[in-house]
Amino acid sequence: MNQINELSALINQTLDIIRN
């Protein structure tokens, strides 16, 4: 479950960078 949370955080950071 922890790996999924880390992956989610990484994806969210990436999307944040793309939006800005």
Protein backbone atom coordinates (compact mmCIF):
# COMPACT_ATOMS: atom_id res chain seq x y z
CA MET A 1 0.00 0.00 0.00
CA ASN A 2 2.89 2.33 0.78
CA GLN A 3 4.30 1.84 -2.72
CA ILE A 4 0.95 2.84 -4.21
CA ASN A 5 0.89 6.01 -2.10
CA GLU A 6 4.43 6.92 -3.20
CA LEU A 7 3.49 6.31 -6.84
CA SER A 8 0.38 8.46 -6.43
CA ALA A 9 2.44 11.30 -4.95
CA LEU A 10 4.89 11.07 -7.85
CA ILE A 11 2.08 11.17 -10.41
CA ASN A 12 0.46 14.13 -8.67
CA GLN A 13 3.77 16.03 -8.67
CA THR A 14 4.24 15.29 -12.36
CA LEU A 15 0.74 16.48 -13.25
CA ASP A 16 1.30 19.61 -11.16
CA ILE A 17 4.48 20.38 -13.12
CA ILE A 18 2.69 19.80 -16.45
CA ARG A 19 -0.19 22.11 -15.48
CA ASN A 20 2.23 24.89 -14.56
